[in-house]
Amino acid sequence: MFVIVVYDTLAERNPGILRTCRQYLHWVQRSVFQGELSAAQHRKLLSAIKQHIDPTYDSVLIYRTQGPHHIQTDLIGQPLGNTDPIL
């Protein structure tokens, strides 16, 4: 599945979310990651993110689709990340 993660957390929790997302996905913009995940990787990512947030304050949106070709993306301005495969 293709996943887009968008988060808005307290600044002190950002590094934990950033490190977690980088293990699974490509950084594409501040607080935004995207990439292909298996179902098992998706479950692990969700579990790891939950360990880093306060659900009474923070917000994490995870969009899922069958693949990136099902999403039309329009970029306005400069791209900030990359979409090279994660090794």
C-alpha atoms as a PDB file:
ATOM      1  CA  MET A   1       0.000   0.000   0.000  1.00  0.00           C
ATOM      2  CA  PHE A   2       1.065   3.598  -0.550  1.00  0.00           C
ATOM      3  CA  VAL A   3       1.036   5.692   2.632  1.00  0.00           C
ATOM      4  CA  ILE A   4       1.240   9.422   3.348  1.00  0.00           C
ATOM      5  CA  VAL A   5       1.875  10.462   6.965  1.00  0.00           C
ATOM      6  CA  VAL A   6       1.213  14.044   8.065  1.00  0.00           C
ATOM      7  CA  TYR A   7       1.826  15.010  11.670  1.00  0.00           C
ATOM      8  CA  ASP A   8       1.387  18.003  13.947  1.00  0.00           C
ATOM      9  CA  THR A   9       2.946  17.354  17.333  1.00  0.00           C
ATOM     10  CA  LEU A  10       4.427  19.308  20.202  1.00  0.00           C
ATOM     11  CA  ALA A  11       7.916  20.431  19.107  1.00  0.00           C
ATOM     12  CA  GLU A  12       9.663  18.299  21.732  1.00  0.00           C
ATOM     13  CA  ARG A  13       8.049  15.148  20.263  1.00  0.00           C
ATOM     14  CA  ASN A  14       8.911  15.944  16.628  1.00  0.00           C
ATOM     15  CA  PRO A  15      12.351  14.238  16.659  1.00  0.00           C
ATOM     16  CA  GLY A  16      10.851  10.914  17.752  1.00  0.00           C
ATOM     17  CA  ILE A  17       8.193  10.997  15.047  1.00  0.00           C
ATOM     18  CA  LEU A  18      10.780  12.089  12.475  1.00  0.00           C
ATOM     19  CA  ARG A  19      13.153   9.201  13.319  1.00  0.00           C
ATOM     20  CA  THR A  20      10.305   6.698  13.288  1.00  0.00           C
ATOM     21  CA  CYS A  21       8.916   7.807   9.930  1.00  0.00           C
ATOM     22  CA  ARG A  22      12.382   7.871   8.336  1.00  0.00           C
ATOM     23  CA  GLN A  23      12.740   4.161   9.116  1.00  0.00           C
ATOM     24  CA  TYR A  24       9.801   3.356   6.838  1.00  0.00           C
ATOM     25  CA  LEU A  25       9.058   6.261   4.499  1.00  0.00           C
ATOM     26  CA  HIS A  26      10.538   9.095   2.427  1.00  0.00           C
ATOM     27  CA  TRP A  27      10.607  12.597   3.850  1.00  0.00           C
ATOM     28  CA  VAL A  28       8.894  14.868   1.294  1.00  0.00           C
ATOM     29  CA  GLN A  29       8.107  18.015   3.257  1.00  0.00           C
ATOM     30  CA  ARG A  30       8.178  19.312   6.823  1.00  0.00           C
ATOM     31  CA  SER A  31       6.135  16.851   8.878  1.00  0.00           C
ATOM     32  CA  VAL A  32       5.144  14.850   5.761  1.00  0.00           C
ATOM     33  CA  PHE A  33       6.369  11.404   4.705  1.00  0.00           C
ATOM     34  CA  GLN A  34       5.279   9.032   1.954  1.00  0.00           C
ATOM     35  CA  GLY A  35       6.137   5.627   0.549  1.00  0.00           C
ATOM     36  CA  GLU A  36       5.184   2.009  -0.051  1.00  0.00           C
ATOM     37  CA  LEU A  37       4.599  -0.248   2.966  1.00  0.00           C
ATOM     38  CA  SER A  38       3.564  -3.830   3.469  1.00  0.00           C
ATOM     39  CA  ALA A  39       0.684  -4.508   5.863  1.00  0.00           C
ATOM     40  CA  ALA A  40       3.199  -5.638   8.509  1.00  0.00           C
ATOM     41  CA  GLN A  41       5.296  -2.480   8.095  1.00  0.00           C
ATOM     42  CA  HIS A  42       2.145  -0.373   8.340  1.00  0.00           C
ATOM     43  CA  ARG A  43       1.215  -2.018  11.663  1.00  0.00           C
ATOM     44  CA  LYS A  44       4.753  -1.507  13.016  1.00  0.00           C
ATOM     45  CA  LEU A  45       4.750   2.143  11.950  1.00  0.00           C
ATOM     46  CA  LEU A  46       1.399   2.784  13.654  1.00  0.00           C
ATOM     47  CA  SER A  47       2.618   1.128  16.840  1.00  0.00           C
ATOM     48  CA  ALA A  48       5.875   3.107  16.842  1.00  0.00           C
ATOM     49  CA  ILE A  49       4.120   6.424  16.217  1.00  0.00           C
ATOM     50  CA  LYS A  50       1.696   5.791  19.088  1.00  0.00           C
ATOM     51  CA  GLN A  51       4.682   5.463  21.449  1.00  0.00           C
ATOM     52  CA  HIS A  52       5.876   8.977  20.562  1.00  0.00           C
ATOM     53  CA  ILE A  53       2.684  11.033  20.729  1.00  0.00           C
ATOM     54  CA  ASP A  54       0.236  12.354  23.281  1.00  0.00           C
ATOM     55  CA  PRO A  55      -3.157  11.510  21.734  1.00  0.00           C
ATOM     56  CA  THR A  56      -4.827  14.229  23.802  1.00  0.00           C
ATOM     57  CA  TYR A  57      -2.703  16.915  22.095  1.00  0.00           C
ATOM     58  CA  ASP A  58      -0.916  15.641  18.972  1.00  0.00           C
ATOM     59  CA  SER A  59      -2.399  14.805  15.581  1.00  0.00           C
ATOM     60  CA  VAL A  60      -1.137  12.273  13.034  1.00  0.00           C
ATOM     61  CA  LEU A  61      -3.003  11.658   9.771  1.00  0.00           C
ATOM     62  CA  ILE A  62      -2.175   8.554   7.739  1.00  0.00           C
ATOM     63  CA  TYR A  63      -3.599   8.340   4.240  1.00  0.00           C
ATOM     64  CA  ARG A  64      -3.569   4.926   2.519  1.00  0.00           C
ATOM     65  CA  THR A  65      -4.132   3.968  -1.094  1.00  0.00           C
ATOM     66  CA  GLN A  66      -3.260   1.081  -3.399  1.00  0.00           C
ATOM     67  CA  GLY A  67      -0.352   2.947  -4.985  1.00  0.00           C
ATOM     68  CA  PRO A  68       1.103   6.362  -5.818  1.00  0.00           C
ATOM     69  CA  HIS A  69      -0.390   6.217  -9.310  1.00  0.00           C
ATOM     70  CA  HIS A  70      -3.851   6.589  -7.732  1.00  0.00           C
ATOM     71  CA  ILE A  71      -2.980  10.011  -6.300  1.00  0.00           C
ATOM     72  CA  GLN A  72      -2.608  13.189  -8.295  1.00  0.00           C
ATOM     73  CA  THR A  73      -0.165  15.572  -6.633  1.00  0.00           C
ATOM     74  CA  ASP A  74       0.294  19.246  -7.456  1.00  0.00           C
ATOM     75  CA  LEU A  75       3.408  20.930  -6.055  1.00  0.00           C
ATOM     76  CA  ILE A  76       3.495  24.701  -5.653  1.00  0.00           C
ATOM     77  CA  GLY A  77       6.937  25.982  -4.721  1.00  0.00           C
ATOM     78  CA  GLN A  78      10.118  24.038  -4.078  1.00  0.00           C
ATOM     79  CA  PRO A  79      10.214  20.302  -3.308  1.00  0.00           C
ATOM     80  CA  LEU A  80      11.861  19.689   0.063  1.00  0.00           C
ATOM     81  CA  GLY A  81      12.505  15.942   0.174  1.00  0.00           C
ATOM     82  CA  ASN A  82      13.082  13.074  -2.213  1.00  0.00           C
ATOM     83  CA  THR A  83      11.337   9.910  -3.321  1.00  0.00           C
ATOM     84  CA  ASP A  84      14.381   7.691  -3.913  1.00  0.00           C
ATOM     85  CA  PRO A  85      13.989   4.126  -2.631  1.00  0.00           C
ATOM     86  CA  ILE A  86      14.861   3.610   1.017  1.00  0.00           C
ATOM     87  CA  LEU A  87      17.780   1.198   1.368  1.00  0.00           C
END
